Amino acid sequence: MQTRIRRYAIAVTVSAVLPLTLTACSDSDSKDKASGTATAASAEPSETGGPSGGMNEPFGPACSSVPKDGAGSFDGMAKDPVATAASNNPALSTLVTAVKKAGLVDTLNKAENITVFAPTNDAFAKIPKADLDKVLNDKAQLTKILTYHVVGQKLAPADLGNGSFETLEKSKLTTSGSGESYKVNDTAKVVCGTVKTANANVYIIDTVLMPKS
């Protein structure tokens, strides 16, 4: 009789303890799995992690000469249409003079989604003064040259790697390069790229482009 009572007590004890033990194991397993899942998730790289290479930002050696603030800064130029924006950049004063002489200010400011390859003052200075003065006083020729610097679409750096684009002058220019080093027509270097204005992407170049005809 005592043996039966002892066996019954043991059975009751086991039946009471076993569910608790299984529950504890189950909780522990689920926590371990949850922990493992969280660890695995945190170990996977984010699809959007980090900036996209920075190529949407201005790049190139001449960018350092752009004013840090005011209308001629990158932020300031982004608010104005391209001809107005260029007029606020001291390095583009000769280009702005040429645009005014050609009567292209309104044309450029009212255009939508264009790319302008903008020669610096130093680029114009490479042209002998007598030749430059002659061009500046020949409106038809000046218009032809200036519109050759404008493409009727917004070009990102990735588009410049090996490109051929029709200009507003109706003939084509070519681009090549990679990273932060690009050329136009194999002669003009981009010295400050991805300058945003309200209606254009601007690539400042170190040489004036000349249409073939």
Protein backbone atom coordinates (compact mmCIF):
# COMPACT_ATOMS: atom_id res chain seq x y z
CA MET A 1 0.00 0.00 0.00
CA GLN A 2 2.78 2.40 0.89
CA THR A 3 4.55 1.48 -2.33
CA ARG A 4 1.44 2.39 -4.35
CA ILE A 5 1.11 5.72 -2.53
CA ARG A 6 4.81 6.50 -3.17
CA ARG A 7 4.46 5.68 -6.91
CA TYR A 8 1.34 7.84 -7.14
CA ALA A 9 3.16 10.77 -5.50
CA ILE A 10 6.09 10.43 -7.90
CA ALA A 11 3.72 10.28 -10.87
CA VAL A 12 1.93 13.42 -9.73
CA THR A 13 5.22 15.24 -9.19
CA VAL A 14 6.54 14.29 -12.65
CA SER A 15 3.27 15.24 -14.32
CA ALA A 16 3.36 18.62 -12.60
CA VAL A 17 7.04 19.36 -13.32
CA LEU A 18 7.22 18.06 -16.91
CA PRO A 19 4.93 20.71 -18.50
CA LEU A 20 6.88 23.48 -16.72
CA THR A 21 10.14 22.07 -18.02
CA LEU A 22 8.81 21.80 -21.58
CA THR A 23 7.42 25.32 -21.40
CA ALA A 24 10.75 26.67 -20.17
CA CYS A 25 12.58 24.85 -22.99
CA SER A 26 10.08 26.12 -25.55
CA ASP A 27 10.46 29.73 -24.32
CA SER A 28 14.21 29.41 -24.37
CA ASP A 29 14.20 27.96 -27.90
CA SER A 30 11.90 30.70 -29.20
CA LYS A 31 14.06 33.38 -27.61
CA ASP A 32 17.17 31.84 -29.14
CA LYS A 33 15.48 31.69 -32.53
CA ALA A 34 14.26 35.25 -32.22
CA SER A 35 17.72 36.33 -31.16
CA GLY A 36 19.24 34.45 -34.08
CA THR A 37 16.77 36.04 -36.50
CA ALA A 38 17.51 39.52 -35.18
CA THR A 39 21.24 38.90 -35.42
CA ALA A 40 20.93 37.62 -38.97
CA ALA A 41 18.79 40.58 -39.96
CA SER A 42 21.22 43.05 -38.46
CA ALA A 43 24.09 41.31 -40.24
CA GLU A 44 22.50 41.78 -43.66
CA PRO A 45 23.45 45.04 -45.42
CA SER A 46 20.73 47.61 -45.91
CA GLU A 47 19.58 48.02 -49.49
CA THR A 48 19.62 51.76 -49.07
CA GLY A 49 22.60 52.01 -46.77
CA GLY A 50 24.87 54.96 -47.35
CA PRO A 51 24.90 57.78 -49.94
CA SER A 52 24.92 56.79 -53.61
CA GLY A 53 28.53 57.59 -54.40
CA GLY A 54 28.03 61.34 -54.15
CA MET A 55 27.77 61.78 -57.94
CA ASN A 56 24.70 63.95 -57.55
CA GLU A 57 26.93 66.46 -55.81
CA PRO A 58 29.28 68.89 -57.60
CA PHE A 59 32.70 67.40 -58.30
CA GLY A 60 35.98 68.53 -59.85
CA PRO A 61 38.92 70.83 -59.05
CA ALA A 62 37.21 74.07 -60.07
CA CYS A 63 34.29 73.50 -57.69
CA SER A 64 36.44 74.82 -54.85
CA SER A 65 36.39 78.30 -56.40
CA VAL A 66 32.58 78.51 -56.33
CA PRO A 67 31.35 80.89 -53.60
CA LYS A 68 30.32 79.11 -50.40
CA ASP A 69 27.12 81.09 -49.99
CA GLY A 70 24.94 83.66 -51.74
CA ALA A 71 23.43 83.63 -55.23
CA GLY A 72 26.63 82.32 -56.80
CA SER A 73 26.95 79.32 -54.49
CA PHE A 74 25.76 75.86 -55.45
CA ASP A 75 22.63 76.29 -53.35
CA GLY A 76 22.03 79.74 -54.78
CA MET A 77 22.44 78.66 -58.41
CA ALA A 78 20.04 75.77 -57.86
CA LYS A 79 17.25 78.30 -57.28
CA ASP A 80 17.73 80.25 -60.53
CA PRO A 81 17.37 79.35 -64.22
CA VAL A 82 20.67 78.66 -65.91
CA ALA A 83 21.54 82.03 -67.51
CA THR A 84 20.71 83.88 -64.31
CA ALA A 85 22.60 81.34 -62.23
CA ALA A 86 25.69 81.68 -64.46
CA SER A 87 25.60 85.45 -64.10
CA ASN A 88 26.13 85.01 -60.35
CA ASN A 89 29.25 82.89 -60.84
CA PRO A 90 32.38 85.07 -61.27
CA ALA A 91 34.21 82.32 -63.21
CA LEU A 92 31.58 82.44 -65.96
CA SER A 93 31.43 86.19 -66.59
CA THR A 94 32.78 85.97 -70.17
CA LEU A 95 30.22 83.30 -71.02
CA VAL A 96 27.46 85.46 -69.59
CA THR A 97 28.64 88.43 -71.69
CA ALA A 98 28.55 86.23 -74.79
CA VAL A 99 25.07 84.92 -73.96
CA LYS A 100 23.78 88.48 -73.57
CA LYS A 101 25.39 89.59 -76.87
CA ALA A 102 23.74 86.66 -78.64
CA GLY A 103 20.35 87.46 -77.10
CA LEU A 104 20.08 83.97 -75.59
CA VAL A 105 19.31 84.84 -71.96
CA ASP A 106 15.55 84.26 -72.25
CA THR A 107 16.03 81.22 -74.49
CA LEU A 108 18.23 79.49 -71.92
CA ASN A 109 16.23 80.60 -68.89
CA LYS A 110 12.94 79.38 -70.35
CA ALA A 111 14.26 76.06 -71.67
CA GLU A 112 13.33 72.96 -69.67
CA ASN A 113 15.55 70.05 -68.65
CA ILE A 114 18.73 70.97 -70.50
CA THR A 115 22.45 70.43 -69.99
CA VAL A 116 24.91 73.27 -70.46
CA PHE A 117 28.64 72.79 -70.92
CA ALA A 118 29.83 76.14 -69.61
CA PRO A 119 33.33 77.38 -70.54
CA THR A 120 35.18 79.29 -67.84
CA ASN A 121 36.74 82.70 -68.32
CA ASP A 122 40.10 80.93 -68.70
CA ALA A 123 38.61 78.82 -71.49
CA PHE A 124 37.67 81.94 -73.44
CA ALA A 125 41.11 83.40 -72.68
CA LYS A 126 42.68 80.57 -74.71
CA ILE A 127 41.17 82.12 -77.84
CA PRO A 128 43.32 84.93 -79.31
CA LYS A 129 41.77 88.25 -78.35
CA ALA A 130 41.28 89.41 -81.92
CA ASP A 131 39.43 86.19 -82.79
CA LEU A 132 37.32 86.34 -79.65
CA ASP A 133 36.36 89.98 -80.28
CA LYS A 134 35.38 89.07 -83.84
CA VAL A 135 33.14 86.24 -82.65
CA LEU A 136 31.56 88.36 -79.92
CA ASN A 137 30.57 90.91 -82.56
CA ASP A 138 29.15 88.34 -84.99
CA LYS A 139 25.78 87.45 -83.52
CA ALA A 140 25.04 84.59 -85.91
CA GLN A 141 28.40 82.90 -85.34
CA LEU A 142 28.24 83.55 -81.60
CA THR A 143 24.77 82.01 -81.40
CA LYS A 144 25.99 78.97 -83.32
CA ILE A 145 28.89 78.45 -80.92
CA LEU A 146 26.90 79.00 -77.74
CA THR A 147 23.99 76.74 -78.71
CA TYR A 148 26.55 74.03 -79.51
CA HIS A 149 27.25 73.98 -75.75
CA VAL A 150 23.64 73.07 -74.91
CA VAL A 151 22.03 69.61 -75.01
CA GLY A 152 18.24 69.31 -74.87
CA GLN A 153 18.15 66.85 -71.98
CA LYS A 154 19.51 66.65 -68.45
CA LEU A 155 22.66 64.54 -68.41
CA ALA A 156 23.95 62.82 -65.28
CA PRO A 157 27.64 61.87 -64.93
CA ALA A 158 26.76 58.27 -65.79
CA ASP A 159 25.49 59.48 -69.17
CA LEU A 160 28.85 61.04 -70.03
CA GLY A 161 30.88 57.83 -69.99
CA ASN A 162 30.65 57.25 -73.71
CA GLY A 163 28.00 59.52 -75.14
CA SER A 164 26.97 61.32 -78.29
CA PHE A 165 24.33 64.02 -77.96
CA GLU A 166 22.59 66.39 -80.32
CA THR A 167 22.97 70.03 -79.33
CA LEU A 168 20.62 72.96 -79.78
CA GLU A 169 22.90 73.98 -82.65
CA LYS A 170 21.74 70.70 -84.30
CA SER A 171 25.13 69.01 -84.59
CA LYS A 172 26.49 66.48 -82.10
CA LEU A 173 29.10 66.56 -79.37
CA THR A 174 30.69 63.55 -77.72
CA THR A 175 31.56 62.83 -74.10
CA SER A 176 33.86 60.29 -72.48
CA GLY A 177 35.35 59.41 -69.12
CA SER A 178 34.42 57.93 -65.75
CA GLY A 179 34.43 58.64 -62.02
CA GLU A 180 35.18 62.35 -61.70
CA SER A 181 37.16 62.68 -64.95
CA TYR A 182 35.26 63.54 -68.13
CA LYS A 183 36.01 65.15 -71.49
CA VAL A 184 33.83 66.71 -74.14
CA ASN A 185 34.90 66.19 -77.77
CA ASP A 186 38.16 64.76 -76.39
CA THR A 187 39.44 68.31 -75.85
CA ALA A 188 37.50 70.07 -73.09
CA LYS A 189 37.86 68.77 -69.54
CA VAL A 190 35.00 68.97 -67.06
CA VAL A 191 36.49 70.95 -64.18
CA CYS A 192 33.32 71.20 -62.10
CA GLY A 193 30.48 68.82 -62.78
CA THR A 194 26.86 68.34 -61.73
CA VAL A 195 26.16 71.98 -60.94
CA LYS A 196 22.38 72.20 -60.58
CA THR A 197 20.27 75.14 -61.66
CA ALA A 198 16.49 75.43 -61.69
CA ASN A 199 16.21 74.14 -65.25
CA ALA A 200 19.60 72.66 -66.16
CA ASN A 201 22.54 70.50 -65.21
CA VAL A 202 25.76 72.41 -65.77
CA TYR A 203 29.23 71.02 -66.43
CA ILE A 204 31.89 73.71 -66.27
CA ILE A 205 34.62 73.05 -68.86
CA ASP A 206 38.12 74.42 -69.50
CA THR A 207 37.88 74.84 -73.29
CA VAL A 208 35.37 76.49 -75.63
CA LEU A 209 33.68 73.95 -77.91
CA MET A 210 33.57 74.68 -81.62
CA PRO A 211 31.00 73.14 -83.96
CA LYS A 212 32.57 71.41 -86.95
CA SER A 213 30.78 73.46 -89.59
